[in-house]
Amino acid sequence: MKALTGIRILDLSRLLPGPYCSMVLADFGAEVIKVEEPETGDYSRTFPPFKNGFGYWHLQLNRNKKSITLDLKSETGRKAFLRLVKKSDVVLESYRPGVLKRLGIDYETASKINPKIVYCSITGYGKKGPLVHQADHDIGYLGLTGVLSMSGEKDGRPAIPGVLMADMNAALMAGMSILMAVRYAEKSGRGQEIDISLYNTALTLMPGAASLYFGSGFVAERGNNWLTGAYANYNIYGTKDDLYLAVGCLEKKFWVNLCIAMQREDLINAIDDEKGHEYVKSELSAIFRTRTQKEWTELFKGKDTCVEPVLNFNEALEAEQTVANDMVLDIQDEDIGGHKQIGFAMKFSETPGRIDKRAPRLGEDTETVLREFGFSSEEISQLWVK
């Protein structure tokens, strides 16, 4: 038995945050039924690259799930969905606020059918306020919440983060929230509605900036505090071969180790005064340019300096630590053939994550799932399914 065996989730979400959330839950045993629009389904199915008709984006985000198609704009599709709600624990959705109410399958309607249902909505800006109906993407949420203002170099333009920070963190917030609400429903018999907004999530990613502002009124921006490049001992430096090193020796003991390894003991106490950091940064910039990234990495090996090479994604996947942690999985499937998947970040001793099923073709589980829910052959034939 897996950790989440027995929890059934109806997943109406598309693209990234919702599907990533439900994938993590499915990896650990939740039954995730991906409810998709006939003919088109989740837009991510069309994202290249492809292998044997499967898009890799879809493969990475929808493993261990079932797919059914229902036309939720039709009366028969709506009624069918509500029948599924009656025997499910969770609904996960990412439509704009108000859409599911117009369709007649919102939380208020669903909770009348199943009082224990947990209804988790992933939205852009929440369900109230002036931006509630505004469309946006990750970069917009990061821009409005101040995250982008702290990304990049001092006196330069803001930098676009290499990962979708609001999306990915909202997915994990949703997963934690769902499990909390399911536990409450099991104990109280009452479900509830959950609102996870990407905007709110992005705001919560900056406890350091919040502590500075609430405590002293200081506004954190790129290059003006220890997390954004003001400190010499928490920074990025170029090497002789135009690659980079990430220096993160905030604690004095690590800084001492670095200075000794570089044979620059004279810099050990230079960081004690914030006014000295610009001088130290200029010294480190010159020092690190004297050797290649690989040479520095070898020099620092085993010396506890908290200095690491900045790798590209290919190098990161091939790193010994990645291999040791089983973070790249080789999957064999009769329909797709051999392909790779990112492994499980969470390591459980008793109930580990497992890939039991490749990401489904659009609607491939429709008939099987509906029969499990008690639909007759005639009722299935009346639905617009693929």
Protein backbone atom coordinates (compact mmCIF):
# COMPACT_ATOMS: atom_id res chain seq x y z
CA MET A 1 0.00 0.00 0.00
CA LYS A 2 1.19 3.51 -0.81
CA ALA A 3 0.96 6.49 1.55
CA LEU A 4 -2.06 8.03 -0.22
CA THR A 5 -3.86 4.86 -1.30
CA GLY A 6 -7.61 5.41 -0.98
CA ILE A 7 -7.67 9.11 -1.85
CA ARG A 8 -9.47 9.83 -5.12
CA ILE A 9 -8.86 13.12 -6.93
CA LEU A 10 -10.78 14.54 -9.89
CA ASP A 11 -8.26 16.76 -11.66
CA LEU A 12 -9.71 19.44 -13.92
CA SER A 13 -6.47 21.44 -14.07
CA ARG A 14 -4.24 22.00 -17.09
CA LEU A 15 -0.68 23.06 -17.97
CA LEU A 16 1.69 23.22 -14.98
CA PRO A 17 0.66 24.01 -11.36
CA GLY A 18 -2.37 21.72 -11.05
CA PRO A 19 -0.95 18.77 -13.01
CA TYR A 20 2.34 18.94 -11.09
CA CYS A 21 0.43 18.96 -7.81
CA SER A 22 -1.71 15.95 -8.72
CA MET A 23 1.32 14.11 -10.15
CA VAL A 24 3.13 14.31 -6.81
CA LEU A 25 0.03 12.98 -5.06
CA ALA A 26 -0.39 10.24 -7.66
CA ASP A 27 3.26 9.19 -7.26
CA PHE A 28 2.47 8.33 -3.66
CA GLY A 29 -0.74 6.45 -4.25
CA ALA A 30 -3.62 8.85 -4.79
CA GLU A 31 -6.00 7.85 -7.59
CA VAL A 32 -5.93 10.83 -9.93
CA ILE A 33 -8.59 10.96 -12.63
CA LYS A 34 -7.70 13.63 -15.15
CA VAL A 35 -10.99 15.02 -16.49
CA GLU A 36 -10.30 16.54 -19.90
CA GLU A 37 -12.16 18.28 -22.68
CA PRO A 38 -12.96 15.96 -25.60
CA GLU A 39 -10.74 16.19 -28.69
CA THR A 40 -8.25 18.73 -27.23
CA GLY A 41 -7.64 17.81 -23.60
CA ASP A 42 -4.85 19.41 -21.61
CA TYR A 43 -3.02 21.92 -23.82
CA SER A 44 0.32 20.53 -22.66
CA ARG A 45 -0.32 17.41 -24.72
CA THR A 46 0.70 19.45 -27.78
CA PHE A 47 4.02 20.73 -26.38
CA PRO A 48 7.11 19.33 -28.14
CA PRO A 49 9.31 17.34 -28.16
CA PHE A 50 7.38 14.16 -28.91
CA LYS A 51 8.04 10.44 -28.85
CA ASN A 52 5.64 7.96 -30.45
CA GLY A 53 2.77 10.45 -30.20
CA PHE A 54 3.40 11.49 -26.60
CA GLY A 55 4.61 14.96 -25.71
CA TYR A 56 7.41 14.94 -23.14
CA TRP A 57 5.82 17.80 -21.15
CA HIS A 58 2.70 15.66 -20.80
CA LEU A 59 4.80 12.61 -19.91
CA GLN A 60 6.65 14.47 -17.16
CA LEU A 61 3.54 15.91 -15.51
CA ASN A 62 0.84 13.27 -15.86
CA ARG A 63 2.37 9.92 -14.99
CA ASN A 64 0.37 7.61 -12.71
CA LYS A 65 -2.94 9.25 -13.73
CA LYS A 66 -6.05 8.14 -15.57
CA SER A 67 -7.65 10.24 -18.31
CA ILE A 68 -11.34 10.56 -19.07
CA THR A 69 -13.09 13.01 -21.36
CA LEU A 70 -16.31 14.78 -20.46
CA ASP A 71 -18.00 17.71 -22.14
CA LEU A 72 -18.65 19.80 -19.04
CA LYS A 73 -20.57 22.36 -21.10
CA SER A 74 -23.28 19.79 -21.77
CA GLU A 75 -25.99 18.75 -19.33
CA THR A 76 -25.04 15.07 -19.58
CA GLY A 77 -21.36 15.88 -18.97
CA ARG A 78 -22.17 18.05 -15.98
CA LYS A 79 -24.39 15.39 -14.41
CA ALA A 80 -21.75 12.74 -15.04
CA PHE A 81 -19.09 14.84 -13.34
CA LEU A 82 -21.27 15.38 -10.28
CA ARG A 83 -21.80 11.62 -10.05
CA LEU A 84 -18.03 11.26 -9.93
CA VAL A 85 -17.86 13.92 -7.20
CA LYS A 86 -20.20 11.85 -5.02
CA LYS A 87 -17.59 9.09 -4.75
CA SER A 88 -14.44 11.21 -4.71
CA ASP A 89 -12.40 12.99 -2.06
CA VAL A 90 -10.92 15.94 -3.93
CA VAL A 91 -11.57 18.18 -6.91
CA LEU A 92 -8.57 20.12 -8.22
CA GLU A 93 -9.17 22.89 -10.74
CA SER A 94 -7.41 25.89 -12.29
CA TYR A 95 -10.13 27.76 -14.17
CA ARG A 96 -10.65 31.48 -13.76
CA PRO A 97 -12.95 32.34 -10.85
CA GLY A 98 -16.62 31.99 -11.79
CA VAL A 99 -16.22 29.55 -14.67
CA LEU A 100 -17.20 26.43 -12.74
CA LYS A 101 -20.12 28.23 -11.12
CA ARG A 102 -21.47 29.07 -14.58
CA LEU A 103 -21.03 25.42 -15.54
CA GLY A 104 -22.88 24.32 -12.40
CA ILE A 105 -20.05 22.21 -10.95
CA ASP A 106 -18.58 24.64 -8.41
CA TYR A 107 -17.84 23.86 -4.75
CA GLU A 108 -21.24 25.00 -3.54
CA THR A 109 -22.95 22.56 -5.88
CA ALA A 110 -20.47 19.76 -5.28
CA SER A 111 -20.63 20.02 -1.48
CA LYS A 112 -24.39 19.46 -1.55
CA ILE A 113 -23.75 16.14 -3.27
CA ASN A 114 -20.71 15.20 -1.18
CA PRO A 115 -20.32 17.18 2.08
CA LYS A 116 -16.81 15.75 2.56
CA ILE A 117 -15.50 16.93 -0.81
CA VAL A 118 -12.31 19.02 -0.77
CA TYR A 119 -12.37 21.55 -3.60
CA CYS A 120 -8.97 23.08 -4.37
CA SER A 121 -8.78 25.96 -6.84
CA ILE A 122 -5.47 27.22 -8.20
CA THR A 123 -6.04 30.80 -9.36
CA GLY A 124 -3.94 33.71 -10.51
CA TYR A 125 -4.98 36.33 -7.98
CA GLY A 126 -7.45 34.62 -5.68
CA LYS A 127 -11.21 35.11 -5.64
CA LYS A 128 -11.51 38.77 -4.70
CA GLY A 129 -9.76 42.03 -5.43
CA PRO A 130 -9.26 44.18 -8.55
CA LEU A 131 -7.16 41.60 -10.46
CA VAL A 132 -9.36 38.58 -9.83
CA HIS A 133 -10.32 38.13 -13.51
CA GLN A 134 -6.99 39.19 -15.00
CA ALA A 135 -4.95 36.70 -17.02
CA ASP A 136 -1.23 36.42 -16.33
CA HIS A 137 1.77 34.13 -16.29
CA ASP A 138 4.53 33.41 -13.82
CA ILE A 139 6.61 36.43 -14.80
CA GLY A 140 3.66 38.73 -14.12
CA TYR A 141 3.07 37.39 -10.61
CA LEU A 142 6.78 37.66 -9.84
CA GLY A 143 6.83 41.21 -11.16
CA LEU A 144 3.88 42.39 -9.08
CA THR A 145 5.04 40.77 -5.85
CA GLY A 146 8.59 42.15 -5.87
CA VAL A 147 10.41 38.92 -6.66
CA LEU A 148 11.76 40.21 -9.98
CA SER A 149 13.00 43.41 -8.37
CA MET A 150 15.42 41.27 -6.35
CA SER A 151 16.63 39.18 -9.31
CA GLY A 152 19.64 40.24 -11.36
CA GLU A 153 22.66 42.43 -10.76
CA LYS A 154 22.76 45.76 -9.00
CA ASP A 155 22.22 48.67 -11.42
CA GLY A 156 21.12 46.18 -14.08
CA ARG A 157 17.73 45.13 -15.35
CA PRO A 158 15.69 42.53 -13.44
CA ALA A 159 16.47 38.96 -14.43
CA ILE A 160 13.93 36.31 -15.40
CA PRO A 161 14.31 33.31 -13.07
CA GLY A 162 15.09 30.05 -14.84
CA VAL A 163 12.19 28.25 -13.17
CA LEU A 164 8.49 29.09 -12.87
CA MET A 165 8.65 30.02 -9.20
CA ALA A 166 5.04 30.99 -8.57
CA ASP A 167 3.68 28.04 -10.55
CA MET A 168 5.83 25.38 -8.93
CA ASN A 169 5.47 26.66 -5.38
CA ALA A 170 1.70 27.04 -5.80
CA ALA A 171 1.57 23.40 -6.90
CA LEU A 172 3.30 22.31 -3.70
CA MET A 173 1.13 24.64 -1.60
CA ALA A 174 -1.94 23.06 -3.17
CA GLY A 175 -0.69 19.55 -2.44
CA MET A 176 -0.07 20.31 1.23
CA SER A 177 -3.41 22.08 1.53
CA ILE A 178 -5.29 19.19 -0.03
CA LEU A 179 -3.81 16.70 2.42
CA MET A 180 -4.61 18.97 5.39
CA ALA A 181 -8.20 19.37 4.22
CA VAL A 182 -8.63 15.64 3.54
CA ARG A 183 -7.44 14.87 7.07
CA TYR A 184 -9.89 17.39 8.48
CA ALA A 185 -12.70 15.90 6.40
CA GLU A 186 -11.89 12.42 7.66
CA LYS A 187 -12.10 13.59 11.27
CA SER A 188 -15.01 16.05 11.00
CA GLY A 189 -17.04 14.76 8.07
CA ARG A 190 -16.84 18.21 6.46
CA GLY A 191 -14.95 19.14 3.32
CA GLN A 192 -13.99 22.66 2.39
CA GLU A 193 -12.96 24.98 -0.40
CA ILE A 194 -9.28 25.87 -0.83
CA ASP A 195 -7.98 28.85 -2.80
CA ILE A 196 -4.31 28.78 -3.79
CA SER A 197 -3.35 31.86 -5.78
CA LEU A 198 -0.06 32.24 -7.61
CA TYR A 199 0.08 35.88 -6.52
CA ASN A 200 -0.25 35.04 -2.81
CA THR A 201 2.22 32.18 -3.18
CA ALA A 202 4.84 34.46 -4.71
CA LEU A 203 4.46 36.91 -1.82
CA THR A 204 5.17 34.17 0.71
CA LEU A 205 8.46 33.19 -0.98
CA MET A 206 10.31 36.14 0.59
CA PRO A 207 10.43 35.82 4.39
CA GLY A 208 13.84 37.49 4.37
CA ALA A 209 12.59 40.55 2.53
CA ALA A 210 9.50 40.64 4.77
CA SER A 211 11.57 40.54 7.95
CA LEU A 212 13.76 43.41 6.74
CA TYR A 213 10.79 45.55 5.74
CA PHE A 214 8.53 44.85 8.72
CA GLY A 215 11.43 45.20 11.14
CA SER A 216 13.16 48.30 9.79
CA GLY A 217 11.39 49.58 6.68
CA PHE A 218 14.31 48.45 4.48
CA VAL A 219 13.20 47.56 0.93
CA ALA A 220 15.18 44.60 -0.41
CA GLU A 221 16.19 44.95 -4.04
CA ARG A 222 18.82 43.38 -6.25
CA GLY A 223 22.31 44.10 -5.01
CA ASN A 224 21.38 45.81 -1.72
CA ASN A 225 21.23 42.92 0.78
CA TRP A 226 22.92 39.64 1.57
CA LEU A 227 20.51 37.53 -0.50
CA THR A 228 20.75 39.62 -3.66
CA GLY A 229 24.46 40.15 -4.17
CA ALA A 230 25.57 42.78 -1.65
CA TYR A 231 27.84 40.36 0.20
CA ALA A 232 31.10 39.02 -1.16
CA ASN A 233 30.63 35.68 0.56
CA TYR A 234 27.22 35.05 -1.02
CA ASN A 235 27.71 35.77 -4.69
CA ILE A 236 28.50 34.46 -8.16
CA TYR A 237 31.92 34.78 -9.77
CA GLY A 238 33.28 34.11 -13.24
CA THR A 239 36.16 31.70 -13.86
CA LYS A 240 39.01 31.62 -16.37
CA ASP A 241 36.94 29.59 -18.85
CA ASP A 242 33.97 31.99 -18.65
CA LEU A 243 31.96 29.67 -16.45
CA TYR A 244 30.75 30.45 -12.94
CA LEU A 245 31.04 29.51 -9.29
CA ALA A 246 28.34 30.01 -6.66
CA VAL A 247 29.89 31.16 -3.39
CA GLY A 248 27.59 30.62 -0.41
CA CYS A 249 29.83 30.65 2.64
CA LEU A 250 27.71 32.90 4.85
CA GLU A 251 28.89 31.36 8.11
CA LYS A 252 32.34 32.51 9.14
CA LYS A 253 33.70 28.98 9.44
CA PHE A 254 33.02 28.31 5.75
CA TRP A 255 34.47 31.67 4.76
CA VAL A 256 37.63 30.88 6.72
CA ASN A 257 37.94 27.57 4.88
CA LEU A 258 37.58 29.34 1.54
CA CYS A 259 40.19 31.98 2.32
CA ILE A 260 42.65 29.31 3.47
CA ALA A 261 42.04 27.23 0.33
CA MET A 262 42.70 30.32 -1.83
CA GLN A 263 45.74 31.24 0.29
CA ARG A 264 44.15 34.60 1.08
CA GLU A 265 43.97 34.53 4.85
CA ASP A 266 44.19 38.32 4.76
CA LEU A 267 40.53 38.39 3.62
CA ILE A 268 39.18 36.40 6.57
CA ASN A 269 38.15 39.41 8.66
CA ALA A 270 37.47 41.74 5.74
CA ILE A 271 33.81 40.70 5.56
CA ASP A 272 33.09 41.59 9.18
CA ASP A 273 32.41 45.19 8.13
CA GLU A 274 29.79 45.60 5.40
CA LYS A 275 31.83 48.46 3.97
CA GLY A 276 34.57 46.00 3.11
CA HIS A 277 32.47 43.75 0.90
CA GLU A 278 33.00 45.71 -2.31
CA TYR A 279 36.76 45.39 -1.91
CA VAL A 280 36.47 41.66 -1.20
CA LYS A 281 34.21 41.17 -4.21
CA SER A 282 36.75 42.82 -6.48
CA GLU A 283 39.51 40.64 -5.04
CA LEU A 284 37.49 37.44 -5.46
CA SER A 285 36.53 38.40 -9.00
CA ALA A 286 40.22 38.66 -9.91
CA ILE A 287 41.21 35.50 -8.03
CA PHE A 288 38.53 33.27 -9.55
CA ARG A 289 39.52 34.41 -13.05
CA THR A 290 42.92 32.77 -12.60
CA ARG A 291 41.62 29.18 -12.84
CA THR A 292 38.95 27.22 -14.66
CA GLN A 293 35.72 26.13 -13.03
CA LYS A 294 36.90 22.52 -12.96
CA GLU A 295 40.23 23.49 -11.38
CA TRP A 296 38.51 25.46 -8.61
CA THR A 297 36.04 22.63 -8.01
CA GLU A 298 38.88 20.16 -7.60
CA LEU A 299 40.76 22.54 -5.32
CA PHE A 300 37.77 23.03 -3.01
CA LYS A 301 36.75 19.38 -2.91
CA GLY A 302 36.42 18.15 0.67
CA LYS A 303 37.34 21.52 2.20
CA ASP A 304 33.85 22.59 3.32
CA THR A 305 33.81 25.96 1.58
CA CYS A 306 30.18 26.04 0.35
CA VAL A 307 31.43 26.89 -3.14
CA GLU A 308 29.88 25.01 -6.04
CA PRO A 309 30.10 25.16 -9.84
CA VAL A 310 27.14 26.65 -11.70
CA LEU A 311 26.10 23.74 -13.93
CA ASN A 312 23.75 23.65 -16.86
CA PHE A 313 20.80 21.25 -16.79
CA ASN A 314 22.58 18.51 -18.70
CA GLU A 315 25.55 18.63 -16.32
CA ALA A 316 23.24 18.63 -13.30
CA LEU A 317 21.42 15.50 -14.50
CA GLU A 318 24.71 13.68 -15.05
CA ALA A 319 26.22 14.72 -11.71
CA GLU A 320 27.23 11.92 -9.31
CA GLN A 321 24.91 13.28 -6.62
CA THR A 322 21.93 13.18 -9.00
CA VAL A 323 22.72 9.58 -9.88
CA ALA A 324 23.22 8.61 -6.23
CA ASN A 325 19.82 10.06 -5.31
CA ASP A 326 18.04 8.22 -8.18
CA MET A 327 16.75 11.51 -9.55
CA VAL A 328 16.72 10.40 -13.20
CA LEU A 329 14.59 7.34 -13.85
CA ASP A 330 14.82 5.15 -16.95
CA ILE A 331 11.31 4.03 -17.84
CA GLN A 332 10.34 1.30 -20.28
CA ASP A 333 6.85 1.41 -21.78
CA GLU A 334 5.34 -0.72 -24.53
CA ASP A 335 3.73 2.31 -26.21
CA ILE A 336 6.52 4.85 -25.83
CA GLY A 337 9.64 2.74 -25.51
CA GLY A 338 12.50 3.87 -23.33
CA HIS A 339 12.28 7.36 -21.87
CA LYS A 340 13.46 9.26 -18.83
CA GLN A 341 11.59 10.86 -15.95
CA ILE A 342 12.68 13.10 -13.09
CA GLY A 343 12.73 11.05 -9.88
CA PHE A 344 11.09 11.65 -6.52
CA ALA A 345 12.32 14.51 -4.34
CA MET A 346 10.65 12.98 -1.29
CA LYS A 347 12.28 9.77 -0.09
CA PHE A 348 10.07 7.55 2.12
CA SER A 349 11.46 4.50 3.92
CA GLU A 350 8.14 2.61 4.00
CA THR A 351 5.97 4.06 1.21
CA PRO A 352 8.25 5.37 -1.54
CA GLY A 353 7.01 7.02 -4.69
CA ARG A 354 6.70 4.78 -7.72
CA ILE A 355 5.84 5.10 -11.40
CA ASP A 356 3.24 2.44 -12.17
CA LYS A 357 1.65 4.00 -15.24
CA ARG A 358 2.79 6.27 -18.04
CA ALA A 359 0.91 9.47 -18.72
CA PRO A 360 -2.40 8.49 -20.36
CA ARG A 361 -3.58 9.06 -23.87
CA LEU A 362 -6.50 11.46 -24.04
CA GLY A 363 -9.57 9.70 -22.67
CA GLU A 364 -8.04 6.23 -22.64
CA ASP A 365 -9.59 5.40 -19.25
CA THR A 366 -13.03 6.91 -19.84
CA GLU A 367 -15.06 3.75 -20.20
CA THR A 368 -13.22 1.86 -17.46
CA VAL A 369 -13.55 4.69 -14.94
CA LEU A 370 -17.21 5.37 -15.69
CA ARG A 371 -18.06 1.71 -15.30
CA GLU A 372 -16.26 1.70 -11.93
CA PHE A 373 -18.54 4.57 -10.90
CA GLY A 374 -21.65 2.61 -11.90
CA PHE A 375 -22.41 4.06 -15.35
CA SER A 376 -24.25 1.73 -17.70
CA SER A 377 -23.25 1.14 -21.31
CA GLU A 378 -26.22 3.24 -22.45
CA GLU A 379 -25.22 6.14 -20.18
CA ILE A 380 -21.63 6.00 -21.42
CA SER A 381 -22.80 6.07 -25.03
CA GLN A 382 -24.76 9.26 -24.35
CA LEU A 383 -21.64 11.07 -23.20
CA TRP A 384 -19.30 12.84 -25.57
CA VAL A 385 -16.22 10.73 -24.94
CA LYS A 386 -13.18 9.65 -26.82
